[in-house]
Amino acid sequence: MKVTIIGGGGRVGSCAAFALQCGGLVAELQILDANKDMAEGEALDLLHGSAFAGDQKIYAGDYARAADSDLFLITAGLRRKPDESRLDLINRNVALFVQILDSIKSAGMRPDTHVFVVSNPVDILTHLAGQRLGLPWPQVYGLGTMLDTARFSSFIAEELKLAPTQVKALILGEHGDSMLPVWSSATVNGLLLTGLSECSAGFQNAVFERTKGSGAEVIKRKGGAGWAVGIASREVIHAVLLNKQSLLPVSSLVQGAYDIRDICLSVPSVVSRKGVEKHIEIKLWPKELMALQGSARALKDTFAKVKA
């Protein structure tokens, strides 16, 4: 598989590239960035470790050289300016994103290529990519709440002193303010977490609030997330590459699941070589279902205000 990382010179893109290199499954990595020197530097740095990390082809390139990519991983984005509203930031990122999409199309992408969006606001941009690129919807998907889910599960494990890999707990909906925790299906090694005496309502609220605020905490302490985003991105790409049929909370166009239609957000999704093969409607508590549908409405309201 050839993966082109657009925005590969930035924090998120370079961390994703490193995670994919360490994973050793992607055969070819192209680093593409508006800052060509940064892209070339990142590619060179990765190449220096290839004798120990693996035999992938790693190089900096351009859109013409990216045309034969199996998957475009888009991580490019802009940061919020002082006193800038969330909507203004969204529209600035949309303007940048449209330029990227137009460049991908102009270069002559393959009809079977996948587009995997990590840039924020991920749900809005994933929806926009699906509309503008003309690819089948299963081949267009976003990171969605994968990172939130990883944070959520890790925090639960930390607080309860459990092995993180045995905790399975989902965050669904928007990657943003209206995300929701799914405690109804949260487990540790197959056992319901809500059956533990320590997993009280107060514990649940505290862990979820920490999860919601963790992105801002990382930005405050080190300037932005990177490593965990890279690992989460690798999880999705490996599910595609290996045709795993993994059930993951990626963002994609929902058309009927949970009575939600015409918007991209995260619901349980089977990810395979086809992309998002299908959505799975696991049974939710009534309050979880209401929150998920509310998240969809919030995203639709935001999308209606986007200037694309």
C-alpha atoms as a PDB file:
ATOM      1  CA  MET A   1       0.000   0.000   0.000  1.00  0.00           C
ATOM      2  CA  LYS A   2       1.183   3.508  -0.874  1.00  0.00           C
ATOM      3  CA  VAL A   3       0.103   6.217   1.571  1.00  0.00           C
ATOM      4  CA  THR A   4       0.530   9.926   0.862  1.00  0.00           C
ATOM      5  CA  ILE A   5       0.393  12.115   3.967  1.00  0.00           C
ATOM      6  CA  ILE A   6      -0.780  15.635   3.107  1.00  0.00           C
ATOM      7  CA  GLY A   7       0.448  17.904   5.873  1.00  0.00           C
ATOM      8  CA  GLY A   8       3.228  15.411   6.600  1.00  0.00           C
ATOM      9  CA  GLY A   9       5.585  18.168   7.718  1.00  0.00           C
ATOM     10  CA  GLY A  10       3.375  19.091  10.672  1.00  0.00           C
ATOM     11  CA  ARG A  11       3.123  17.546  14.125  1.00  0.00           C
ATOM     12  CA  VAL A  12       0.193  15.223  13.398  1.00  0.00           C
ATOM     13  CA  GLY A  13       1.372  14.187   9.946  1.00  0.00           C
ATOM     14  CA  SER A  14       4.921  13.404  11.079  1.00  0.00           C
ATOM     15  CA  CYS A  15       3.668  11.407  14.065  1.00  0.00           C
ATOM     16  CA  ALA A  16       1.377   9.411  11.776  1.00  0.00           C
ATOM     17  CA  ALA A  17       4.285   8.779   9.413  1.00  0.00           C
ATOM     18  CA  PHE A  18       6.446   7.534  12.289  1.00  0.00           C
ATOM     19  CA  ALA A  19       3.655   5.269  13.563  1.00  0.00           C
ATOM     20  CA  LEU A  20       3.212   3.784  10.077  1.00  0.00           C
ATOM     21  CA  GLN A  21       6.951   3.293   9.693  1.00  0.00           C
ATOM     22  CA  CYS A  22       7.138   1.477  13.026  1.00  0.00           C
ATOM     23  CA  GLY A  23       4.103  -0.609  12.053  1.00  0.00           C
ATOM     24  CA  GLY A  24       6.090  -1.941   9.124  1.00  0.00           C
ATOM     25  CA  LEU A  25       3.085  -2.782   6.932  1.00  0.00           C
ATOM     26  CA  VAL A  26       2.770   0.210   4.601  1.00  0.00           C
ATOM     27  CA  ALA A  27       5.122  -0.330   1.655  1.00  0.00           C
ATOM     28  CA  GLU A  28       5.490   3.270   0.538  1.00  0.00           C
ATOM     29  CA  LEU A  29       5.156   6.585   2.365  1.00  0.00           C
ATOM     30  CA  GLN A  30       5.119   9.928   0.586  1.00  0.00           C
ATOM     31  CA  ILE A  31       5.382  13.080   2.691  1.00  0.00           C
ATOM     32  CA  LEU A  32       3.676  16.094   1.144  1.00  0.00           C
ATOM     33  CA  ASP A  33       3.498  19.537   2.727  1.00  0.00           C
ATOM     34  CA  ALA A  34       3.102  23.181   1.681  1.00  0.00           C
ATOM     35  CA  ASN A  35       6.493  23.683   3.343  1.00  0.00           C
ATOM     36  CA  LYS A  36       8.645  21.586   0.994  1.00  0.00           C
ATOM     37  CA  ASP A  37      11.754  21.886   3.131  1.00  0.00           C
ATOM     38  CA  MET A  38       9.852  20.539   6.133  1.00  0.00           C
ATOM     39  CA  ALA A  39       8.470  17.644   4.089  1.00  0.00           C
ATOM     40  CA  GLU A  40      11.931  16.777   2.788  1.00  0.00           C
ATOM     41  CA  GLY A  41      13.391  17.022   6.281  1.00  0.00           C
ATOM     42  CA  GLU A  42      10.756  14.709   7.766  1.00  0.00           C
ATOM     43  CA  ALA A  43      11.191  12.193   4.944  1.00  0.00           C
ATOM     44  CA  LEU A  44      14.960  12.261   5.383  1.00  0.00           C
ATOM     45  CA  ASP A  45      14.703  11.809   9.144  1.00  0.00           C
ATOM     46  CA  LEU A  46      12.417   8.793   8.682  1.00  0.00           C
ATOM     47  CA  LEU A  47      14.663   7.395   5.981  1.00  0.00           C
ATOM     48  CA  HIS A  48      17.624   7.527   8.353  1.00  0.00           C
ATOM     49  CA  GLY A  49      15.881   4.993  10.597  1.00  0.00           C
ATOM     50  CA  SER A  50      14.791   2.634   7.837  1.00  0.00           C
ATOM     51  CA  ALA A  51      17.717   0.243   8.363  1.00  0.00           C
ATOM     52  CA  PHE A  52      16.217  -0.615  11.753  1.00  0.00           C
ATOM     53  CA  ALA A  53      12.511   0.170  11.232  1.00  0.00           C
ATOM     54  CA  GLY A  54      11.819  -1.562   7.912  1.00  0.00           C
ATOM     55  CA  ASP A  55      12.157  -1.585   4.158  1.00  0.00           C
ATOM     56  CA  GLN A  56       9.509   0.963   3.179  1.00  0.00           C
ATOM     57  CA  LYS A  57      10.108   3.513   0.455  1.00  0.00           C
ATOM     58  CA  ILE A  58       9.943   6.941   2.163  1.00  0.00           C
ATOM     59  CA  TYR A  59      10.286  10.240   0.328  1.00  0.00           C
ATOM     60  CA  ALA A  60       8.940  13.776  -0.038  1.00  0.00           C
ATOM     61  CA  GLY A  61       6.885  14.402  -3.162  1.00  0.00           C
ATOM     62  CA  ASP A  62       4.106  16.358  -4.793  1.00  0.00           C
ATOM     63  CA  TYR A  63       0.532  15.823  -5.986  1.00  0.00           C
ATOM     64  CA  ALA A  64       1.599  14.519  -9.412  1.00  0.00           C
ATOM     65  CA  ARG A  65       3.705  11.832  -7.771  1.00  0.00           C
ATOM     66  CA  ALA A  66       0.847  11.061  -5.382  1.00  0.00           C
ATOM     67  CA  ALA A  67      -1.655  10.192  -8.122  1.00  0.00           C
ATOM     68  CA  ASP A  68      -1.132   6.435  -7.749  1.00  0.00           C
ATOM     69  CA  SER A  69      -1.635   6.464  -3.961  1.00  0.00           C
ATOM     70  CA  ASP A  70      -3.822   3.788  -2.429  1.00  0.00           C
ATOM     71  CA  LEU A  71      -4.704   6.152   0.407  1.00  0.00           C
ATOM     72  CA  PHE A  72      -4.445   9.889   1.029  1.00  0.00           C
ATOM     73  CA  LEU A  73      -4.062  10.737   4.714  1.00  0.00           C
ATOM     74  CA  ILE A  74      -4.957  14.419   5.155  1.00  0.00           C
ATOM     75  CA  THR A  75      -3.575  16.008   8.320  1.00  0.00           C
ATOM     76  CA  ALA A  76      -3.052  19.619   7.154  1.00  0.00           C
ATOM     77  CA  GLY A  77      -4.843  22.311   9.127  1.00  0.00           C
ATOM     78  CA  LEU A  78      -4.752  25.780  10.652  1.00  0.00           C
ATOM     79  CA  ARG A  79      -4.740  26.791  14.311  1.00  0.00           C
ATOM     80  CA  ARG A  80      -7.156  29.191  15.924  1.00  0.00           C
ATOM     81  CA  LYS A  81      -6.114  32.837  16.059  1.00  0.00           C
ATOM     82  CA  PRO A  82      -6.584  34.921  19.225  1.00  0.00           C
ATOM     83  CA  ASP A  83     -10.249  35.948  19.617  1.00  0.00           C
ATOM     84  CA  GLU A  84     -11.228  33.926  16.530  1.00  0.00           C
ATOM     85  CA  SER A  85     -14.616  32.182  16.670  1.00  0.00           C
ATOM     86  CA  ARG A  86     -14.906  28.434  16.141  1.00  0.00           C
ATOM     87  CA  LEU A  87     -16.919  29.024  12.952  1.00  0.00           C
ATOM     88  CA  ASP A  88     -14.291  31.405  11.544  1.00  0.00           C
ATOM     89  CA  LEU A  89     -11.608  28.795  12.163  1.00  0.00           C
ATOM     90  CA  ILE A  90     -13.774  26.150  10.525  1.00  0.00           C
ATOM     91  CA  ASN A  91     -14.224  28.296   7.426  1.00  0.00           C
ATOM     92  CA  ARG A  92     -10.483  29.001   7.183  1.00  0.00           C
ATOM     93  CA  ASN A  93      -9.758  25.284   7.404  1.00  0.00           C
ATOM     94  CA  VAL A  94     -12.489  24.549   4.872  1.00  0.00           C
ATOM     95  CA  ALA A  95     -10.871  26.974   2.411  1.00  0.00           C
ATOM     96  CA  LEU A  96      -7.501  25.225   2.834  1.00  0.00           C
ATOM     97  CA  PHE A  97      -9.126  21.800   2.610  1.00  0.00           C
ATOM     98  CA  VAL A  98     -10.927  22.629  -0.641  1.00  0.00           C
ATOM     99  CA  GLN A  99      -7.563  23.574  -2.188  1.00  0.00           C
ATOM    100  CA  ILE A 100      -6.162  20.202  -1.124  1.00  0.00           C
ATOM    101  CA  LEU A 101      -9.139  18.311  -2.560  1.00  0.00           C
ATOM    102  CA  ASP A 102      -8.869  20.193  -5.850  1.00  0.00           C
ATOM    103  CA  SER A 103      -5.153  19.362  -6.029  1.00  0.00           C
ATOM    104  CA  ILE A 104      -5.858  15.652  -5.438  1.00  0.00           C
ATOM    105  CA  LYS A 105      -8.464  15.640  -8.211  1.00  0.00           C
ATOM    106  CA  SER A 106      -6.298  17.619 -10.626  1.00  0.00           C
ATOM    107  CA  ALA A 107      -3.414  15.194 -10.180  1.00  0.00           C
ATOM    108  CA  GLY A 108      -5.640  12.369 -11.407  1.00  0.00           C
ATOM    109  CA  MET A 109      -6.374  10.178  -8.392  1.00  0.00           C
ATOM    110  CA  ARG A 110      -7.307   6.536  -8.904  1.00  0.00           C
ATOM    111  CA  PRO A 111     -11.034   5.671  -8.713  1.00  0.00           C
ATOM    112  CA  ASP A 112     -10.309   3.055  -6.025  1.00  0.00           C
ATOM    113  CA  THR A 113      -8.212   5.319  -3.808  1.00  0.00           C
ATOM    114  CA  HIS A 114      -9.210   6.035  -0.220  1.00  0.00           C
ATOM    115  CA  VAL A 115      -9.265   9.455   1.428  1.00  0.00           C
ATOM    116  CA  PHE A 116      -8.752   9.414   5.192  1.00  0.00           C
ATOM    117  CA  VAL A 117      -9.301  12.773   6.909  1.00  0.00           C
ATOM    118  CA  VAL A 118      -7.614  13.615  10.207  1.00  0.00           C
ATOM    119  CA  SER A 119      -7.708  17.423   9.891  1.00  0.00           C
ATOM    120  CA  ASN A 120     -10.247  19.248  12.046  1.00  0.00           C
ATOM    121  CA  PRO A 121     -13.162  19.757  12.141  1.00  0.00           C
ATOM    122  CA  VAL A 122     -12.909  16.155  11.002  1.00  0.00           C
ATOM    123  CA  ASP A 123     -16.625  15.389  10.575  1.00  0.00           C
ATOM    124  CA  ILE A 124     -17.299  18.527   8.541  1.00  0.00           C
ATOM    125  CA  LEU A 125     -14.228  18.031   6.361  1.00  0.00           C
ATOM    126  CA  THR A 126     -14.981  14.343   5.802  1.00  0.00           C
ATOM    127  CA  HIS A 127     -18.468  15.261   4.603  1.00  0.00           C
ATOM    128  CA  LEU A 128     -17.019  17.921   2.329  1.00  0.00           C
ATOM    129  CA  ALA A 129     -14.458  15.478   0.889  1.00  0.00           C
ATOM    130  CA  GLY A 130     -17.172  12.994   0.056  1.00  0.00           C
ATOM    131  CA  GLN A 131     -19.213  15.635  -1.715  1.00  0.00           C
ATOM    132  CA  ARG A 132     -16.385  17.131  -3.771  1.00  0.00           C
ATOM    133  CA  LEU A 133     -14.204  14.189  -4.759  1.00  0.00           C
ATOM    134  CA  GLY A 134     -16.836  12.016  -6.415  1.00  0.00           C
ATOM    135  CA  LEU A 135     -15.494   8.837  -4.814  1.00  0.00           C
ATOM    136  CA  PRO A 136     -17.829   6.145  -3.451  1.00  0.00           C
ATOM    137  CA  TRP A 137     -18.736   7.101   0.109  1.00  0.00           C
ATOM    138  CA  PRO A 138     -17.200   3.971   1.714  1.00  0.00           C
ATOM    139  CA  GLN A 139     -13.793   5.155   0.442  1.00  0.00           C
ATOM    140  CA  VAL A 140     -14.042   8.522   2.255  1.00  0.00           C
ATOM    141  CA  TYR A 141     -13.787   8.494   6.033  1.00  0.00           C
ATOM    142  CA  GLY A 142     -12.354  10.457   8.925  1.00  0.00           C
ATOM    143  CA  LEU A 143     -10.560   9.722  12.175  1.00  0.00           C
ATOM    144  CA  GLY A 144     -13.780  10.714  13.948  1.00  0.00           C
ATOM    145  CA  THR A 145     -13.804   9.737  17.613  1.00  0.00           C
ATOM    146  CA  MET A 146     -10.949   7.225  17.354  1.00  0.00           C
ATOM    147  CA  LEU A 147      -8.649   9.491  19.371  1.00  0.00           C
ATOM    148  CA  ASP A 148     -11.399  10.275  21.895  1.00  0.00           C
ATOM    149  CA  THR A 149     -12.084   6.544  22.248  1.00  0.00           C
ATOM    150  CA  ALA A 150      -8.394   5.831  22.835  1.00  0.00           C
ATOM    151  CA  ARG A 151      -8.190   8.565  25.474  1.00  0.00           C
ATOM    152  CA  PHE A 152     -11.407   7.400  27.123  1.00  0.00           C
ATOM    153  CA  SER A 153     -10.294   3.766  27.356  1.00  0.00           C
ATOM    154  CA  SER A 154      -6.826   4.734  28.581  1.00  0.00           C
ATOM    155  CA  PHE A 155      -8.211   6.989  31.316  1.00  0.00           C
ATOM    156  CA  ILE A 156     -10.625   4.288  32.504  1.00  0.00           C
ATOM    157  CA  ALA A 157      -7.762   1.807  32.694  1.00  0.00           C
ATOM    158  CA  GLU A 158      -5.539   4.280  34.530  1.00  0.00           C
ATOM    159  CA  GLU A 159      -8.172   5.141  37.133  1.00  0.00           C
ATOM    160  CA  LEU A 160      -9.247   1.524  37.726  1.00  0.00           C
ATOM    161  CA  LYS A 161      -5.662   0.168  37.526  1.00  0.00           C
ATOM    162  CA  LEU A 162      -6.486  -2.159  34.637  1.00  0.00           C
ATOM    163  CA  ALA A 163      -4.601  -3.152  31.503  1.00  0.00           C
ATOM    164  CA  PRO A 164      -5.382  -0.488  28.848  1.00  0.00           C
ATOM    165  CA  THR A 165      -5.593  -3.023  26.008  1.00  0.00           C
ATOM    166  CA  GLN A 166      -8.327  -4.932  27.847  1.00  0.00           C
ATOM    167  CA  VAL A 167     -10.589  -1.897  28.258  1.00  0.00           C
ATOM    168  CA  LYS A 168     -13.003  -1.399  25.365  1.00  0.00           C
ATOM    169  CA  ALA A 169     -15.121   1.727  25.662  1.00  0.00           C
ATOM    170  CA  LEU A 170     -16.463   3.863  22.827  1.00  0.00           C
ATOM    171  CA  ILE A 171     -16.964   7.554  22.257  1.00  0.00           C
ATOM    172  CA  LEU A 172     -19.427   8.215  19.417  1.00  0.00           C
ATOM    173  CA  GLY A 173     -20.896  11.202  17.570  1.00  0.00           C
ATOM    174  CA  GLU A 174     -18.975  14.372  16.800  1.00  0.00           C
ATOM    175  CA  HIS A 175     -15.275  14.748  17.416  1.00  0.00           C
ATOM    176  CA  GLY A 176     -16.095  17.844  19.415  1.00  0.00           C
ATOM    177  CA  ASP A 177     -18.403  19.290  22.030  1.00  0.00           C
ATOM    178  CA  SER A 178     -21.382  16.988  21.372  1.00  0.00           C
ATOM    179  CA  MET A 179     -19.485  13.676  21.599  1.00  0.00           C
ATOM    180  CA  LEU A 180     -20.991  11.048  23.870  1.00  0.00           C
ATOM    181  CA  PRO A 181     -19.602   8.187  25.986  1.00  0.00           C
ATOM    182  CA  VAL A 182     -21.135   4.741  25.491  1.00  0.00           C
ATOM    183  CA  TRP A 183     -21.045   3.210  28.947  1.00  0.00           C
ATOM    184  CA  SER A 184     -23.738   0.659  28.084  1.00  0.00           C
ATOM    185  CA  SER A 185     -21.251  -1.487  26.135  1.00  0.00           C
ATOM    186  CA  ALA A 186     -17.998  -0.570  27.940  1.00  0.00           C
ATOM    187  CA  THR A 187     -16.093  -3.699  28.984  1.00  0.00           C
ATOM    188  CA  VAL A 188     -12.856  -4.948  30.480  1.00  0.00           C
ATOM    189  CA  ASN A 189     -11.835  -8.324  29.037  1.00  0.00           C
ATOM    190  CA  GLY A 190     -15.471  -8.931  28.064  1.00  0.00           C
ATOM    191  CA  LEU A 191     -16.983  -8.003  31.435  1.00  0.00           C
ATOM    192  CA  LEU A 192     -19.270  -4.963  31.676  1.00  0.00           C
ATOM    193  CA  LEU A 193     -17.522  -2.051  33.371  1.00  0.00           C
ATOM    194  CA  THR A 194     -20.803  -0.809  34.781  1.00  0.00           C
ATOM    195  CA  GLY A 195     -20.895  -4.005  36.821  1.00  0.00           C
ATOM    196  CA  LEU A 196     -17.873  -2.832  38.822  1.00  0.00           C
ATOM    197  CA  SER A 197     -18.665  -1.044  42.077  1.00  0.00           C
ATOM    198  CA  GLU A 198     -15.935   1.508  41.319  1.00  0.00           C
ATOM    199  CA  CYS A 199     -17.645   2.496  38.057  1.00  0.00           C
ATOM    200  CA  SER A 200     -20.210   4.755  39.730  1.00  0.00           C
ATOM    201  CA  ALA A 201     -22.105   7.609  38.086  1.00  0.00           C
ATOM    202  CA  GLY A 202     -19.622  10.042  39.593  1.00  0.00           C
ATOM    203  CA  PHE A 203     -16.695   8.051  38.224  1.00  0.00           C
ATOM    204  CA  GLN A 204     -18.297   7.932  34.779  1.00  0.00           C
ATOM    205  CA  ASN A 205     -18.875  11.695  34.694  1.00  0.00           C
ATOM    206  CA  ALA A 206     -15.345  12.463  35.884  1.00  0.00           C
ATOM    207  CA  VAL A 207     -13.673  10.213  33.312  1.00  0.00           C
ATOM    208  CA  PHE A 208     -15.788  11.548  30.451  1.00  0.00           C
ATOM    209  CA  GLU A 209     -15.137  15.179  31.405  1.00  0.00           C
ATOM    210  CA  ARG A 210     -11.419  14.442  31.538  1.00  0.00           C
ATOM    211  CA  THR A 211     -11.684  12.860  28.089  1.00  0.00           C
ATOM    212  CA  LYS A 212     -13.503  15.874  26.646  1.00  0.00           C
ATOM    213  CA  GLY A 213     -10.942  18.274  28.054  1.00  0.00           C
ATOM    214  CA  SER A 214      -7.839  16.247  27.257  1.00  0.00           C
ATOM    215  CA  GLY A 215      -7.265  17.772  23.825  1.00  0.00           C
ATOM    216  CA  ALA A 216      -7.169  21.269  25.307  1.00  0.00           C
ATOM    217  CA  GLU A 217      -4.905  20.012  28.099  1.00  0.00           C
ATOM    218  CA  VAL A 218      -2.373  18.607  25.608  1.00  0.00           C
ATOM    219  CA  ILE A 219      -2.445  21.861  23.613  1.00  0.00           C
ATOM    220  CA  LYS A 220      -1.818  23.852  26.783  1.00  0.00           C
ATOM    221  CA  ARG A 221       1.081  21.662  27.906  1.00  0.00           C
ATOM    222  CA  LYS A 222       2.901  20.829  24.655  1.00  0.00           C
ATOM    223  CA  GLY A 223       1.184  22.773  21.880  1.00  0.00           C
ATOM    224  CA  GLY A 224      -0.911  20.007  20.357  1.00  0.00           C
ATOM    225  CA  ALA A 225      -1.568  16.276  20.128  1.00  0.00           C
ATOM    226  CA  GLY A 226       0.645  14.055  18.003  1.00  0.00           C
ATOM    227  CA  TRP A 227       1.637  10.592  19.148  1.00  0.00           C
ATOM    228  CA  ALA A 228      -1.822   9.304  20.089  1.00  0.00           C
ATOM    229  CA  VAL A 229      -3.293  10.708  16.849  1.00  0.00           C
ATOM    230  CA  GLY A 230      -0.578   8.890  14.926  1.00  0.00           C
ATOM    231  CA  ILE A 231      -1.317   5.580  16.648  1.00  0.00           C
ATOM    232  CA  ALA A 232      -5.084   6.000  16.127  1.00  0.00           C
ATOM    233  CA  SER A 233      -4.532   6.794  12.446  1.00  0.00           C
ATOM    234  CA  ARG A 234      -2.339   3.715  12.055  1.00  0.00           C
ATOM    235  CA  GLU A 235      -5.073   1.552  13.569  1.00  0.00           C
ATOM    236  CA  VAL A 236      -7.498   2.635  10.851  1.00  0.00           C
ATOM    237  CA  ILE A 237      -4.990   2.305   7.997  1.00  0.00           C
ATOM    238  CA  HIS A 238      -3.928  -1.166   9.113  1.00  0.00           C
ATOM    239  CA  ALA A 239      -7.595  -2.212   9.282  1.00  0.00           C
ATOM    240  CA  VAL A 240      -7.883  -1.201   5.621  1.00  0.00           C
ATOM    241  CA  LEU A 241      -4.546  -2.649   4.508  1.00  0.00           C
ATOM    242  CA  LEU A 242      -5.114  -6.034   6.189  1.00  0.00           C
ATOM    243  CA  ASN A 243      -8.853  -6.167   5.383  1.00  0.00           C
ATOM    244  CA  LYS A 244      -9.424  -6.674   9.113  1.00  0.00           C
ATOM    245  CA  GLN A 245     -13.139  -5.829   9.208  1.00  0.00           C
ATOM    246  CA  SER A 246     -12.458  -4.060  12.500  1.00  0.00           C
ATOM    247  CA  LEU A 247     -15.315  -2.356  14.327  1.00  0.00           C
ATOM    248  CA  LEU A 248     -14.071   1.225  14.782  1.00  0.00           C
ATOM    249  CA  PRO A 249     -15.658   4.624  15.584  1.00  0.00           C
ATOM    250  CA  VAL A 250     -14.516   6.357  12.395  1.00  0.00           C
ATOM    251  CA  SER A 251     -16.454   9.222  10.833  1.00  0.00           C
ATOM    252  CA  SER A 252     -18.335   8.506   7.601  1.00  0.00           C
ATOM    253  CA  LEU A 253     -21.609   9.337   5.890  1.00  0.00           C
ATOM    254  CA  VAL A 254     -24.469   7.889   7.932  1.00  0.00           C
ATOM    255  CA  GLN A 255     -27.605   7.051   5.976  1.00  0.00           C
ATOM    256  CA  GLY A 256     -30.106   5.422   8.302  1.00  0.00           C
ATOM    257  CA  ALA A 257     -28.220   4.025  11.291  1.00  0.00           C
ATOM    258  CA  TYR A 258     -29.797   5.214  14.545  1.00  0.00           C
ATOM    259  CA  ASP A 259     -32.307   7.199  12.401  1.00  0.00           C
ATOM    260  CA  ILE A 260     -29.489   9.566  11.349  1.00  0.00           C
ATOM    261  CA  ARG A 261     -29.083  10.606   7.713  1.00  0.00           C
ATOM    262  CA  ASP A 262     -27.027  12.892   5.482  1.00  0.00           C
ATOM    263  CA  ILE A 263     -24.163  13.740   7.823  1.00  0.00           C
ATOM    264  CA  CYS A 264     -20.727  12.368   8.657  1.00  0.00           C
ATOM    265  CA  LEU A 265     -20.089  11.397  12.274  1.00  0.00           C
ATOM    266  CA  SER A 266     -18.826   8.418  14.249  1.00  0.00           C
ATOM    267  CA  VAL A 267     -20.998   5.353  14.726  1.00  0.00           C
ATOM    268  CA  PRO A 268     -19.708   1.763  15.093  1.00  0.00           C
ATOM    269  CA  SER A 269     -18.296   1.011  11.628  1.00  0.00           C
ATOM    270  CA  VAL A 270     -16.806  -2.075   9.999  1.00  0.00           C
ATOM    271  CA  VAL A 271     -13.519  -0.994   8.378  1.00  0.00           C
ATOM    272  CA  SER A 272     -11.993  -3.208   5.684  1.00  0.00           C
ATOM    273  CA  ARG A 273     -10.192  -2.994   2.353  1.00  0.00           C
ATOM    274  CA  LYS A 274     -13.415  -1.504   0.985  1.00  0.00           C
ATOM    275  CA  GLY A 275     -13.189   1.340   3.504  1.00  0.00           C
ATOM    276  CA  VAL A 276     -16.251   1.767   5.708  1.00  0.00           C
ATOM    277  CA  GLU A 277     -18.012  -1.429   4.719  1.00  0.00           C
ATOM    278  CA  LYS A 278     -21.099  -0.931   6.894  1.00  0.00           C
ATOM    279  CA  HIS A 279     -22.448   0.600  10.092  1.00  0.00           C
ATOM    280  CA  ILE A 280     -23.463  -1.565  13.049  1.00  0.00           C
ATOM    281  CA  GLU A 281     -26.363  -0.506  15.289  1.00  0.00           C
ATOM    282  CA  ILE A 282     -25.395  -1.775  18.702  1.00  0.00           C
ATOM    283  CA  LYS A 283     -28.126  -1.302  21.287  1.00  0.00           C
ATOM    284  CA  LEU A 284     -27.701   1.959  23.180  1.00  0.00           C
ATOM    285  CA  TRP A 285     -29.291   3.220  26.346  1.00  0.00           C
ATOM    286  CA  PRO A 286     -32.112   5.670  25.509  1.00  0.00           C
ATOM    287  CA  LYS A 287     -30.090   8.637  26.798  1.00  0.00           C
ATOM    288  CA  GLU A 288     -27.123   7.562  24.631  1.00  0.00           C
ATOM    289  CA  LEU A 289     -29.303   7.317  21.529  1.00  0.00           C
ATOM    290  CA  MET A 290     -30.758  10.774  22.202  1.00  0.00           C
ATOM    291  CA  ALA A 291     -27.258  12.206  22.644  1.00  0.00           C
ATOM    292  CA  LEU A 292     -26.050  10.605  19.389  1.00  0.00           C
ATOM    293  CA  GLN A 293     -28.989  12.000  17.446  1.00  0.00           C
ATOM    294  CA  GLY A 294     -28.413  15.386  19.088  1.00  0.00           C
ATOM    295  CA  SER A 295     -24.783  15.259  17.994  1.00  0.00           C
ATOM    296  CA  ALA A 296     -25.908  14.657  14.412  1.00  0.00           C
ATOM    297  CA  ARG A 297     -28.235  17.679  14.566  1.00  0.00           C
ATOM    298  CA  ALA A 298     -25.417  19.870  15.929  1.00  0.00           C
ATOM    299  CA  LEU A 299     -23.131  18.821  13.068  1.00  0.00           C
ATOM    300  CA  LYS A 300     -25.835  19.484  10.482  1.00  0.00           C
ATOM    301  CA  ASP A 301     -26.339  22.971  11.922  1.00  0.00           C
ATOM    302  CA  THR A 302     -22.606  23.647  11.678  1.00  0.00           C
ATOM    303  CA  PHE A 303     -22.311  22.242   8.158  1.00  0.00           C
ATOM    304  CA  ALA A 304     -25.142  24.516   7.006  1.00  0.00           C
ATOM    305  CA  LYS A 305     -23.031  27.535   8.028  1.00  0.00           C
ATOM    306  CA  VAL A 306     -19.850  26.395   6.294  1.00  0.00           C
ATOM    307  CA  LYS A 307     -18.677  28.442   3.308  1.00  0.00           C
ATOM    308  CA  ALA A 308     -17.352  25.906   0.850  1.00  0.00           C
END
